[in-house]
C-alpha atoms as a PDB file:
ATOM      1  CA  MET A   1      15.003  -6.168 -17.298  1.00  0.00           C
ATOM      2  CA  GLY A   2      15.399  -7.731 -20.172  1.00  0.00           C
ATOM      3  CA  GLU A   3      17.117 -10.858 -19.071  1.00  0.00           C
ATOM      4  CA  SER A   4      14.025 -12.871 -18.623  1.00  0.00           C
ATOM      5  CA  ALA A   5      12.626 -13.521 -21.405  1.00  0.00           C
ATOM      6  CA  GLY A   6      12.297 -17.478 -22.188  1.00  0.00           C
ATOM      7  CA  LEU A   7      12.602 -18.429 -18.584  1.00  0.00           C
ATOM      8  CA  ARG A   8       9.658 -20.317 -16.946  1.00  0.00           C
ATOM      9  CA  TRP A   9       8.231 -18.148 -13.753  1.00  0.00           C
ATOM     10  CA  GLY A  10       9.893 -20.678 -11.088  1.00  0.00           C
ATOM     11  CA  VAL A  11      13.404 -20.248 -12.432  1.00  0.00           C
ATOM     12  CA  GLU A  12      13.107 -16.368 -13.492  1.00  0.00           C
ATOM     13  CA  ARG A  13      11.823 -15.892  -9.599  1.00  0.00           C
ATOM     14  CA  ARG A  14      14.801 -18.064  -8.220  1.00  0.00           C
ATOM     15  CA  LEU A  15      16.803 -15.844 -10.139  1.00  0.00           C
ATOM     16  CA  GLU A  16      15.739 -12.910  -8.526  1.00  0.00           C
ATOM     17  CA  PHE A  17      16.094 -14.229  -5.329  1.00  0.00           C
ATOM     18  CA  ILE A  18      19.957 -14.737  -5.594  1.00  0.00           C
ATOM     19  CA  GLU A  19      19.833 -11.351  -7.093  1.00  0.00           C
ATOM     20  CA  PHE A  20      18.208  -9.837  -4.402  1.00  0.00           C
ATOM     21  CA  ARG A  21      20.638 -11.766  -1.811  1.00  0.00           C
ATOM     22  CA  LEU A  22      23.456 -10.424  -3.481  1.00  0.00           C
ATOM     23  CA  LEU A  23      22.469  -7.032  -3.784  1.00  0.00           C
ATOM     24  CA  TRP A  24      21.646  -6.421  -0.411  1.00  0.00           C
ATOM     25  CA  GLU A  25      22.944  -9.346   1.600  1.00  0.00           C
ATOM     26  CA  GLY A  26      26.265  -9.464  -0.294  1.00  0.00           C
ATOM     27  CA  GLY A  27      26.260 -13.570  -0.700  1.00  0.00           C
ATOM     28  CA  ILE A  28      24.130 -16.549  -1.156  1.00  0.00           C
ATOM     29  CA  ASN A  29      24.567 -20.886  -0.795  1.00  0.00           C
ATOM     30  CA  ARG A  30      23.039 -23.202  -2.266  1.00  0.00           C
ATOM     31  CA  ALA A  31      21.073 -24.088   1.028  1.00  0.00           C
ATOM     32  CA  ASP A  32      19.062 -20.195   1.184  1.00  0.00           C
ATOM     33  CA  ILE A  33      17.777 -21.328  -2.059  1.00  0.00           C
ATOM     34  CA  THR A  34      16.405 -25.078  -1.009  1.00  0.00           C
ATOM     35  CA  ASP A  35      15.318 -23.330   2.273  1.00  0.00           C
ATOM     36  CA  ARG A  36      13.497 -20.746   0.269  1.00  0.00           C
ATOM     37  CA  PHE A  37      11.809 -22.200  -2.359  1.00  0.00           C
ATOM     38  CA  GLY A  38      11.769 -26.116  -1.493  1.00  0.00           C
ATOM     39  CA  VAL A  39      13.922 -27.097  -4.573  1.00  0.00           C
ATOM     40  CA  SER A  40      16.241 -29.914  -4.288  1.00  0.00           C
ATOM     41  CA  VAL A  41      20.413 -29.633  -3.904  1.00  0.00           C
ATOM     42  CA  PRO A  42      20.641 -30.117  -7.450  1.00  0.00           C
ATOM     43  CA  GLN A  43      18.415 -27.594  -8.763  1.00  0.00           C
ATOM     44  CA  ALA A  44      20.013 -24.680  -6.796  1.00  0.00           C
ATOM     45  CA  SER A  45      23.132 -25.537  -7.862  1.00  0.00           C
ATOM     46  CA  LYS A  46      21.612 -25.155 -11.856  1.00  0.00           C
ATOM     47  CA  ASP A  47      20.158 -21.889 -10.722  1.00  0.00           C
ATOM     48  CA  LEU A  48      23.808 -20.424  -9.536  1.00  0.00           C
ATOM     49  CA  SER A  49      24.983 -21.648 -12.746  1.00  0.00           C
ATOM     50  CA  LEU A  50      22.297 -20.370 -14.649  1.00  0.00           C
ATOM     51  CA  TYR A  51      22.958 -16.819 -12.918  1.00  0.00           C
ATOM     52  CA  GLN A  52      26.325 -17.586 -13.371  1.00  0.00           C
ATOM     53  CA  SER A  53      26.431 -17.832 -16.658  1.00  0.00           C
ATOM     54  CA  LEU A  54      23.714 -14.748 -17.659  1.00  0.00           C
ATOM     55  CA  ALA A  55      25.719 -12.588 -14.951  1.00  0.00           C
ATOM     56  CA  PRO A  56      29.205 -13.940 -14.628  1.00  0.00           C
ATOM     57  CA  GLU A  57      30.409 -10.121 -13.770  1.00  0.00           C
ATOM     58  CA  ASN A  58      28.189 -10.201 -10.808  1.00  0.00           C
ATOM     59  CA  ILE A  59      28.984 -13.466  -8.806  1.00  0.00           C
ATOM     60  CA  THR A  60      31.898 -14.788  -7.640  1.00  0.00           C
ATOM     61  CA  TYR A  61      32.720 -18.297  -5.643  1.00  0.00           C
ATOM     62  CA  ASN A  62      34.691 -18.726  -2.405  1.00  0.00           C
ATOM     63  CA  ARG A  63      35.695 -22.344  -2.179  1.00  0.00           C
ATOM     64  CA  SER A  64      36.869 -21.972   1.475  1.00  0.00           C
ATOM     65  CA  GLU A  65      33.377 -20.748   2.804  1.00  0.00           C
ATOM     66  CA  LYS A  66      31.476 -22.687  -0.140  1.00  0.00           C
ATOM     67  CA  ARG A  67      29.793 -19.463  -1.110  1.00  0.00           C
ATOM     68  CA  TYR A  68      28.601 -16.848  -3.776  1.00  0.00           C
ATOM     69  CA  PHE A  69      29.429 -13.331  -3.004  1.00  0.00           C
ATOM     70  CA  ALA A  70      28.320 -10.061  -5.200  1.00  0.00           C
ATOM     71  CA  ALA A  71      31.224  -9.438  -7.193  1.00  0.00           C
ATOM     72  CA  ASN A  72      32.843  -5.448  -7.149  1.00  0.00           C
ATOM     73  CA  THR A  73      31.279  -5.111 -11.198  1.00  0.00           C
ATOM     74  CA  PHE A  74      27.544  -6.184  -9.608  1.00  0.00           C
ATOM     75  CA  ARG A  75      24.708  -4.750 -11.144  1.00  0.00           C
ATOM     76  CA  PRO A  76      21.432  -6.332 -11.126  1.00  0.00           C
ATOM     77  CA  ARG A  77      20.276  -8.198 -14.143  1.00  0.00           C
ATOM     78  CA  PHE A  78      16.958  -9.117 -13.030  1.00  0.00           C
ATOM     79  CA  LEU A  79      15.647  -6.531 -10.508  1.00  0.00           C
ATOM     80  CA  ARG A  80      15.764  -2.713 -10.105  1.00  0.00           C
ATOM     81  CA  ILE A  81      17.689  -1.081  -7.084  1.00  0.00           C
ATOM     82  CA  ASP A  82      14.726   0.100  -5.114  1.00  0.00           C
ATOM     83  CA  ALA A  83      14.981   0.486  -1.286  1.00  0.00           C
ATOM     84  CA  ASP A  84      11.491   0.711  -0.806  1.00  0.00           C
ATOM     85  CA  ARG A  85      11.661  -3.265  -2.188  1.00  0.00           C
ATOM     86  CA  TYR A  86      13.703  -4.052   1.037  1.00  0.00           C
ATOM     87  CA  LEU A  87      12.696  -1.677   3.692  1.00  0.00           C
ATOM     88  CA  SER A  88       8.649  -3.003   2.843  1.00  0.00           C
ATOM     89  CA  GLN A  89      10.190  -6.295   3.893  1.00  0.00           C
ATOM     90  CA  LEU A  90      11.587  -5.289   7.391  1.00  0.00           C
ATOM     91  CA  ARG A  91       7.671  -3.011   7.706  1.00  0.00           C
ATOM     92  CA  THR A  92       5.814  -6.455   7.201  1.00  0.00           C
ATOM     93  CA  VAL A  93       7.835  -8.753   9.156  1.00  0.00           C
ATOM     94  CA  ALA A  94       8.116  -5.887  11.490  1.00  0.00           C
ATOM     95  CA  ASP A  95       4.546  -5.611  11.886  1.00  0.00           C
ATOM     96  CA  GLY A  96       3.892  -9.143  11.981  1.00  0.00           C
ATOM     97  CA  ALA A  97       2.102  -9.988   8.404  1.00  0.00           C
ATOM     98  CA  LEU A  98       5.234 -11.579   7.468  1.00  0.00           C
ATOM     99  CA  ASP A  99       7.705 -14.210   9.145  1.00  0.00           C
ATOM    100  CA  LEU A 100      11.300 -13.696   9.062  1.00  0.00           C
ATOM    101  CA  GLU A 101      11.575 -17.130   7.353  1.00  0.00           C
ATOM    102  CA  GLU A 102       8.800 -16.296   4.299  1.00  0.00           C
ATOM    103  CA  SER A 103      10.812 -13.112   3.288  1.00  0.00           C
ATOM    104  CA  TRP A 104      13.528 -13.090   1.100  1.00  0.00           C
ATOM    105  CA  LEU A 105      15.944 -11.729   4.002  1.00  0.00           C
ATOM    106  CA  SER A 106      18.172 -13.689   6.179  1.00  0.00           C
ATOM    107  CA  GLN A 107      20.593 -11.618   7.877  1.00  0.00           C
ATOM    108  CA  PRO A 108      18.518  -8.089   8.211  1.00  0.00           C
ATOM    109  CA  PRO A 109      20.193  -5.386  10.342  1.00  0.00           C
ATOM    110  CA  PRO A 110      18.369  -4.736  13.971  1.00  0.00           C
ATOM    111  CA  PHE A 111      14.753  -3.257  12.711  1.00  0.00           C
ATOM    112  CA  GLU A 112      11.600  -1.720  14.738  1.00  0.00           C
ATOM    113  CA  ALA A 113       8.235  -0.026  13.645  1.00  0.00           C
ATOM    114  CA  VAL A 114       6.382   1.666  15.377  1.00  0.00           C
ATOM    115  CA  PRO A 115       3.485  -0.719  16.774  1.00  0.00           C
ATOM    116  CA  MET A 116       0.011  -0.159  15.750  1.00  0.00           C
ATOM    117  CA  PRO A 117      -3.107  -1.783  16.831  1.00  0.00           C
ATOM    118  CA  HIS A 118      -4.292  -4.506  15.544  1.00  0.00           C
ATOM    119  CA  ARG A 119      -7.536  -4.111  13.562  1.00  0.00           C
ATOM    120  CA  HIS A 120      -9.107  -7.227  13.543  1.00  0.00           C
ATOM    121  CA  VAL A 121     -11.048  -8.235  10.354  1.00  0.00           C
ATOM    122  CA  ASP A 122     -13.717 -10.856  10.423  1.00  0.00           C
ATOM    123  CA  PRO A 123     -11.959 -13.530   7.664  1.00  0.00           C
ATOM    124  CA  ALA A 124     -15.699 -14.820   7.087  1.00  0.00           C
ATOM    125  CA  ILE A 125     -16.953 -11.470   6.678  1.00  0.00           C
ATOM    126  CA  LEU A 126     -14.186 -10.578   4.491  1.00  0.00           C
ATOM    127  CA  ARG A 127     -14.406 -13.645   2.174  1.00  0.00           C
ATOM    128  CA  GLU A 128     -18.419 -12.718   1.766  1.00  0.00           C
ATOM    129  CA  THR A 129     -17.594  -9.435   0.753  1.00  0.00           C
ATOM    130  CA  ILE A 130     -15.184 -10.035  -1.669  1.00  0.00           C
ATOM    131  CA  ASP A 131     -17.716 -12.557  -3.249  1.00  0.00           C
ATOM    132  CA  ALA A 132     -20.059  -9.856  -3.359  1.00  0.00           C
ATOM    133  CA  ILE A 133     -17.486  -7.493  -5.283  1.00  0.00           C
ATOM    134  CA  ARG A 134     -16.989 -10.678  -7.749  1.00  0.00           C
ATOM    135  CA  GLY A 135     -20.155 -11.243  -8.588  1.00  0.00           C
ATOM    136  CA  ARG A 136     -21.399  -7.784  -8.607  1.00  0.00           C
ATOM    137  CA  LYS A 137     -24.389  -8.393  -5.487  1.00  0.00           C
ATOM    138  CA  ALA A 138     -25.456  -6.733  -2.973  1.00  0.00           C
ATOM    139  CA  LEU A 139     -24.789  -7.778   0.495  1.00  0.00           C
ATOM    140  CA  GLU A 140     -26.761  -7.418   3.876  1.00  0.00           C
ATOM    141  CA  ILE A 141     -24.779  -6.853   6.312  1.00  0.00           C
ATOM    142  CA  ARG A 142     -25.148  -5.581  10.330  1.00  0.00           C
ATOM    143  CA  TYR A 143     -23.236  -2.348  10.818  1.00  0.00           C
ATOM    144  CA  GLN A 144     -21.899  -1.019  14.170  1.00  0.00           C
ATOM    145  CA  SER A 145     -21.337   3.204  13.194  1.00  0.00           C
ATOM    146  CA  LEU A 146     -20.625   5.607  15.750  1.00  0.00           C
ATOM    147  CA  SER A 147     -22.672   8.191  14.556  1.00  0.00           C
ATOM    148  CA  SER A 148     -24.966   9.707  16.984  1.00  0.00           C
ATOM    149  CA  ASN A 149     -27.709   9.318  14.671  1.00  0.00           C
ATOM    150  CA  ARG A 150     -27.379   5.724  14.466  1.00  0.00           C
ATOM    151  CA  PRO A 151     -25.961   4.382  17.924  1.00  0.00           C
ATOM    152  CA  GLN A 152     -27.097   1.113  17.262  1.00  0.00           C
ATOM    153  CA  ALA A 153     -25.654  -1.611  15.296  1.00  0.00           C
ATOM    154  CA  MET A 154     -28.744  -2.139  12.106  1.00  0.00           C
ATOM    155  CA  TRP A 155     -28.655  -4.393   8.970  1.00  0.00           C
ATOM    156  CA  ARG A 156     -28.499  -2.424   5.703  1.00  0.00           C
ATOM    157  CA  TRP A 157     -28.007  -3.142   2.464  1.00  0.00           C
ATOM    158  CA  ILE A 158     -24.647  -2.086   0.864  1.00  0.00           C
ATOM    159  CA  SER A 159     -23.775  -3.053  -3.095  1.00  0.00           C
ATOM    160  CA  PRO A 160     -19.712  -3.059  -2.299  1.00  0.00           C
ATOM    161  CA  HIS A 161     -17.338  -2.958  -5.623  1.00  0.00           C
ATOM    162  CA  ALA A 162     -14.091  -1.746  -4.172  1.00  0.00           C
ATOM    163  CA  PHE A 163     -11.444  -2.292  -1.268  1.00  0.00           C
ATOM    164  CA  ALA A 164      -9.780   0.876  -0.362  1.00  0.00           C
ATOM    165  CA  PHE A 165      -6.965   1.150   2.841  1.00  0.00           C
ATOM    166  CA  ASP A 166      -6.579   4.654   4.647  1.00  0.00           C
ATOM    167  CA  GLY A 167      -3.190   4.001   6.221  1.00  0.00           C
ATOM    168  CA  ASN A 168      -4.849   2.891   9.116  1.00  0.00           C
ATOM    169  CA  ARG A 169      -7.858   0.769   8.139  1.00  0.00           C
ATOM    170  CA  TRP A 170      -9.628  -1.357   5.747  1.00  0.00           C
ATOM    171  CA  HIS A 171     -12.828  -0.081   3.862  1.00  0.00           C
ATOM    172  CA  VAL A 172     -15.386  -1.549   1.853  1.00  0.00           C
ATOM    173  CA  ARG A 173     -16.308   1.073  -0.914  1.00  0.00           C
ATOM    174  CA  ALA A 174     -20.083   0.442  -1.288  1.00  0.00           C
ATOM    175  CA  PHE A 175     -23.683   1.952  -2.516  1.00  0.00           C
ATOM    176  CA  CYS A 176     -25.648   1.980   0.537  1.00  0.00           C
ATOM    177  CA  HIS A 177     -29.148   1.082  -0.120  1.00  0.00           C
ATOM    178  CA  LEU A 178     -30.360   3.214   2.891  1.00  0.00           C
ATOM    179  CA  ASP A 179     -28.800   6.485   2.077  1.00  0.00           C
ATOM    180  CA  ARG A 180     -28.669   5.984  -1.898  1.00  0.00           C
ATOM    181  CA  ILE A 181     -25.146   7.215  -2.122  1.00  0.00           C
ATOM    182  CA  PHE A 182     -21.743   5.568  -2.326  1.00  0.00           C
ATOM    183  CA  LYS A 183     -19.738   5.461   1.083  1.00  0.00           C
ATOM    184  CA  ASP A 184     -16.734   4.129   2.772  1.00  0.00           C
ATOM    185  CA  PHE A 185     -17.667   1.290   5.131  1.00  0.00           C
ATOM    186  CA  LEU A 186     -14.911   0.032   7.722  1.00  0.00           C
ATOM    187  CA  LEU A 187     -14.507  -3.671   7.626  1.00  0.00           C
ATOM    188  CA  PRO A 188     -14.184  -4.169  11.553  1.00  0.00           C
ATOM    189  CA  ARG A 189     -17.423  -2.485  11.934  1.00  0.00           C
ATOM    190  CA  ILE A 190     -18.969  -5.165   9.909  1.00  0.00           C
ATOM    191  CA  LEU A 191     -20.352  -7.619  12.523  1.00  0.00           C
ATOM    192  CA  LYS A 192     -22.629 -10.445   9.979  1.00  0.00           C
ATOM    193  CA  THR A 193     -23.770 -11.011   6.807  1.00  0.00           C
ATOM    194  CA  ARG A 194     -26.746 -12.367   5.910  1.00  0.00           C
ATOM    195  CA  ALA A 195     -27.734 -12.528   2.881  1.00  0.00           C
ATOM    196  CA  THR A 196     -27.360 -11.436  -0.762  1.00  0.00           C
ATOM    197  CA  ALA A 197     -29.122 -10.252  -3.379  1.00  0.00           C
ATOM    198  CA  ASP A 198     -28.798  -8.054  -7.115  1.00  0.00           C
ATOM    199  CA  ALA A 199     -26.651  -4.853  -6.611  1.00  0.00           C
ATOM    200  CA  GLU A 200     -28.444  -1.522  -6.929  1.00  0.00           C
ATOM    201  CA  ALA A 201     -25.510   0.144  -8.470  1.00  0.00           C
ATOM    202  CA  ARG A 202     -22.923  -0.346 -10.453  1.00  0.00           C
ATOM    203  CA  PRO A 203     -18.709   0.736  -9.972  1.00  0.00           C
ATOM    204  CA  GLU A 204     -19.019   2.924 -12.998  1.00  0.00           C
ATOM    205  CA  ASP A 205     -21.945   5.064 -11.058  1.00  0.00           C
ATOM    206  CA  ASP A 206     -19.176   5.945  -7.936  1.00  0.00           C
ATOM    207  CA  ASP A 207     -18.240   9.516  -9.683  1.00  0.00           C
ATOM    208  CA  ILE A 208     -16.396   9.791  -6.701  1.00  0.00           C
ATOM    209  CA  TRP A 209     -14.240   6.944  -6.805  1.00  0.00           C
ATOM    210  CA  ASN A 210     -13.480   6.925 -10.657  1.00  0.00           C
ATOM    211  CA  GLU A 211     -12.387  10.364 -10.588  1.00  0.00           C
ATOM    212  CA  ILE A 212      -8.365  10.878 -10.434  1.00  0.00           C
ATOM    213  CA  ILE A 213      -7.027  14.530  -8.840  1.00  0.00           C
ATOM    214  CA  THR A 214      -3.833  15.647  -8.469  1.00  0.00           C
ATOM    215  CA  VAL A 215      -2.334  17.087  -4.901  1.00  0.00           C
ATOM    216  CA  GLY A 216       0.354  19.197  -5.317  1.00  0.00           C
ATOM    217  CA  LEU A 217       2.835  18.967  -2.657  1.00  0.00           C
ATOM    218  CA  LYS A 218       5.924  21.680  -1.960  1.00  0.00           C
ATOM    219  CA  PRO A 219       8.657  22.201   0.783  1.00  0.00           C
ATOM    220  CA  ASN A 220       7.219  24.624   3.554  1.00  0.00           C
ATOM    221  CA  PRO A 221       8.207  28.412   2.304  1.00  0.00           C
ATOM    222  CA  GLY A 222       9.020  28.840   6.071  1.00  0.00           C
ATOM    223  CA  LEU A 223      11.721  26.304   5.307  1.00  0.00           C
ATOM    224  CA  THR A 224      15.589  27.566   4.924  1.00  0.00           C
ATOM    225  CA  ASP A 225      17.008  26.632   0.743  1.00  0.00           C
ATOM    226  CA  GLU A 226      19.247  23.958   2.374  1.00  0.00           C
ATOM    227  CA  GLN A 227      16.064  22.285   4.200  1.00  0.00           C
ATOM    228  CA  LYS A 228      13.731  22.966   1.136  1.00  0.00           C
ATOM    229  CA  ARG A 229      16.268  21.188  -0.773  1.00  0.00           C
ATOM    230  CA  VAL A 230      16.387  17.949   1.280  1.00  0.00           C
ATOM    231  CA  ILE A 231      12.457  17.868   1.935  1.00  0.00           C
ATOM    232  CA  ALA A 232      12.726  18.308  -1.658  1.00  0.00           C
ATOM    233  CA  GLN A 233      14.757  14.747  -2.101  1.00  0.00           C
ATOM    234  CA  ASP A 234      13.007  13.006   0.540  1.00  0.00           C
ATOM    235  CA  PHE A 235      10.043  13.146  -1.129  1.00  0.00           C
ATOM    236  CA  GLY A 236      11.746  12.931  -4.923  1.00  0.00           C
ATOM    237  CA  MET A 237      10.228  16.076  -5.475  1.00  0.00           C
ATOM    238  CA  LYS A 238      11.460  17.494  -9.080  1.00  0.00           C
ATOM    239  CA  GLY A 239      11.134  21.118  -9.212  1.00  0.00           C
ATOM    240  CA  GLU A 240      10.588  21.201  -5.456  1.00  0.00           C
ATOM    241  CA  ARG A 241       7.010  19.753  -6.483  1.00  0.00           C
ATOM    242  CA  LEU A 242       5.586  16.396  -6.119  1.00  0.00           C
ATOM    243  CA  ASP A 243       2.348  15.709  -7.847  1.00  0.00           C
ATOM    244  CA  VAL A 244       0.688  12.589  -5.934  1.00  0.00           C
ATOM    245  CA  LYS A 245      -2.868  11.279  -7.910  1.00  0.00           C
ATOM    246  CA  VAL A 246      -5.083   9.939  -5.384  1.00  0.00           C
ATOM    247  CA  ARG A 247      -8.642   8.839  -5.755  1.00  0.00           C
ATOM    248  CA  LEU A 248     -11.218  11.309  -5.293  1.00  0.00           C
ATOM    249  CA  ALA A 249     -12.863   9.324  -2.664  1.00  0.00           C
ATOM    250  CA  LEU A 250      -9.718   8.809  -1.379  1.00  0.00           C
ATOM    251  CA  LEU A 251      -8.377  12.560  -1.013  1.00  0.00           C
ATOM    252  CA  TYR A 252      -9.388  12.999   2.639  1.00  0.00           C
ATOM    253  CA  TYR A 253      -7.102  10.482   3.999  1.00  0.00           C
ATOM    254  CA  LEU A 254      -4.658  11.313   2.088  1.00  0.00           C
ATOM    255  CA  LEU A 255      -4.583  14.962   3.186  1.00  0.00           C
ATOM    256  CA  ARG A 256      -4.986  13.384   6.911  1.00  0.00           C
ATOM    257  CA  ARG A 257      -1.644  11.540   6.459  1.00  0.00           C
ATOM    258  CA  LEU A 258      -0.011  14.281   5.569  1.00  0.00           C
ATOM    259  CA  GLY A 259      -1.267  16.732   8.363  1.00  0.00           C
ATOM    260  CA  LEU A 260      -3.145  18.897   5.446  1.00  0.00           C
ATOM    261  CA  HIS A 261      -6.685  18.103   6.015  1.00  0.00           C
ATOM    262  CA  HIS A 262      -7.373  20.958   7.876  1.00  0.00           C
ATOM    263  CA  PHE A 263      -6.232  23.085   5.411  1.00  0.00           C
ATOM    264  CA  GLU A 264      -3.786  25.191   8.194  1.00  0.00           C
ATOM    265  CA  ASP A 265      -0.670  24.062   7.139  1.00  0.00           C
ATOM    266  CA  ALA A 266       0.382  27.607   6.877  1.00  0.00           C
ATOM    267  CA  LYS A 267      -0.244  28.476  10.453  1.00  0.00           C
ATOM    268  CA  ARG A 268       1.794  25.624  11.328  1.00  0.00           C
ATOM    269  CA  PRO A 269       5.949  25.890  12.628  1.00  0.00           C
ATOM    270  CA  ALA A 270       7.640  24.532   9.450  1.00  0.00           C
ATOM    271  CA  ARG A 271       9.917  22.103  11.529  1.00  0.00           C
ATOM    272  CA  GLU A 272       6.287  20.099  12.507  1.00  0.00           C
ATOM    273  CA  GLN A 273       4.545  20.666   8.846  1.00  0.00           C
ATOM    274  CA  HIS A 274       7.314  20.089   6.063  1.00  0.00           C
ATOM    275  CA  VAL A 275       5.453  19.889   3.172  1.00  0.00           C
ATOM    276  CA  VAL A 276       2.456  22.097   2.487  1.00  0.00           C
ATOM    277  CA  LEU A 277      -0.166  22.143  -0.600  1.00  0.00           C
ATOM    278  CA  ALA A 278       1.043  23.305  -4.119  1.00  0.00           C
ATOM    279  CA  ASN A 279      -2.351  23.662  -5.314  1.00  0.00           C
ATOM    280  CA  PRO A 280      -4.721  24.563  -2.154  1.00  0.00           C
ATOM    281  CA  ASP A 281      -7.669  25.699  -3.745  1.00  0.00           C
ATOM    282  CA  GLU A 282      -7.846  22.877  -6.323  1.00  0.00           C
ATOM    283  CA  VAL A 283      -7.733  20.658  -3.759  1.00  0.00           C
ATOM    284  CA  ARG A 284     -10.154  22.402  -1.031  1.00  0.00           C
ATOM    285  CA  ARG A 285     -12.853  22.381  -4.244  1.00  0.00           C
ATOM    286  CA  ALA A 286     -12.389  19.009  -4.687  1.00  0.00           C
ATOM    287  CA  LEU A 287     -12.540  17.910  -1.462  1.00  0.00           C
ATOM    288  CA  LYS A 288     -15.802  19.655  -1.309  1.00  0.00           C
ATOM    289  CA  ARG A 289     -17.095  18.214  -4.319  1.00  0.00           C
ATOM    290  CA  ALA A 290     -16.505  15.101  -2.299  1.00  0.00           C
ATOM    291  CA  GLN A 291     -18.445  16.242   0.128  1.00  0.00           C
ATOM    292  CA  ALA A 292     -21.255  16.767  -2.177  1.00  0.00           C
ATOM    293  CA  GLY A 293     -20.875  13.295  -3.911  1.00  0.00           C
ATOM    294  CA  GLY A 294     -21.309  11.220  -0.577  1.00  0.00           C
ATOM    295  CA  SER A 295     -17.902  10.413   0.020  1.00  0.00           C
ATOM    296  CA  ALA A 296     -16.838  10.595   3.380  1.00  0.00           C
ATOM    297  CA  SER A 297     -16.225   8.462   6.400  1.00  0.00           C
ATOM    298  CA  ASP A 298     -15.902   8.968  10.442  1.00  0.00           C
ATOM    299  CA  PHE A 299     -13.140  11.337   9.922  1.00  0.00           C
ATOM    300  CA  TYR A 300     -15.043  13.496   7.125  1.00  0.00           C
ATOM    301  CA  THR A 301     -15.606  16.722   9.743  1.00  0.00           C
ATOM    302  CA  PRO A 302     -16.107  19.709   9.473  1.00  0.00           C
ATOM    303  CA  LEU A 303     -15.821  19.805   5.553  1.00  0.00           C
ATOM    304  CA  ALA A 304     -17.770  16.410   5.011  1.00  0.00           C
ATOM    305  CA  ALA A 305     -20.750  14.732   5.583  1.00  0.00           C
ATOM    306  CA  SER A 306     -21.667  11.475   7.583  1.00  0.00           C
ATOM    307  CA  ALA A 307     -21.215   8.656   5.145  1.00  0.00           C
ATOM    308  CA  GLY A 308     -20.477   5.395   5.963  1.00  0.00           C
ATOM    309  CA  ARG A 309     -21.738   5.656   9.638  1.00  0.00           C
END
């Protein structure tokens, strides 16, 4: 935030950590820094002294507790006050993706997240796919589709160029040599890899992936004015509208997460569907365009083709 010019990255990172602890946990001591970053006690003392010199109005020292506390005049210098950053760490710990000791949290409040079944991705397959993307190579994979047209796992060639997360599962975006279109392939359904070759398509050829469209959201008209205002605040809307930019290839996944993928939001009670599309005709045309371009997954029914299967 303008205070880190000239600081080494490691020092800047520790100053951010000091500020994070002051902001969200109210205090910090030297042991917090040594435990988190593995630096010496003298280095931790230097970091705290440096922070005091840069932001004296932010921090006070309690000799009896041997701990630094956030002052009443605290205003972040190195961090932006961002609730999402704190809550994302809680969620990552709750999901088991990060140990509490590895986070920047020390005394979080009681928390929990709705458990989701873990989708297994073979690390070796992920590495081979990453290598193919970086090297702009084609990759031969054994893929298990759930399509009735291809019920058995089969070997096929793909030219991958990106990964995509739909909110639940990871996909690899790739040109399918079999069907001659770009598709989404679920990483957990890639059972094996065995060869590489020259890619048969370039990332810039994937028009559906490269096109960005706008999805307009607004509070459900069936809500009261007070309810509309709180929904607008909840979603960070301006003028009761929020424009979300999304790749055309990921449009369906966004709509599905919002419960808008069947375009029947007007028929659902407002208490169940809090937001609706502000530009439904434009979004519907875009989704059909994605279908025509071959961008789809096992979820694209009935509006989309059976790609990635």
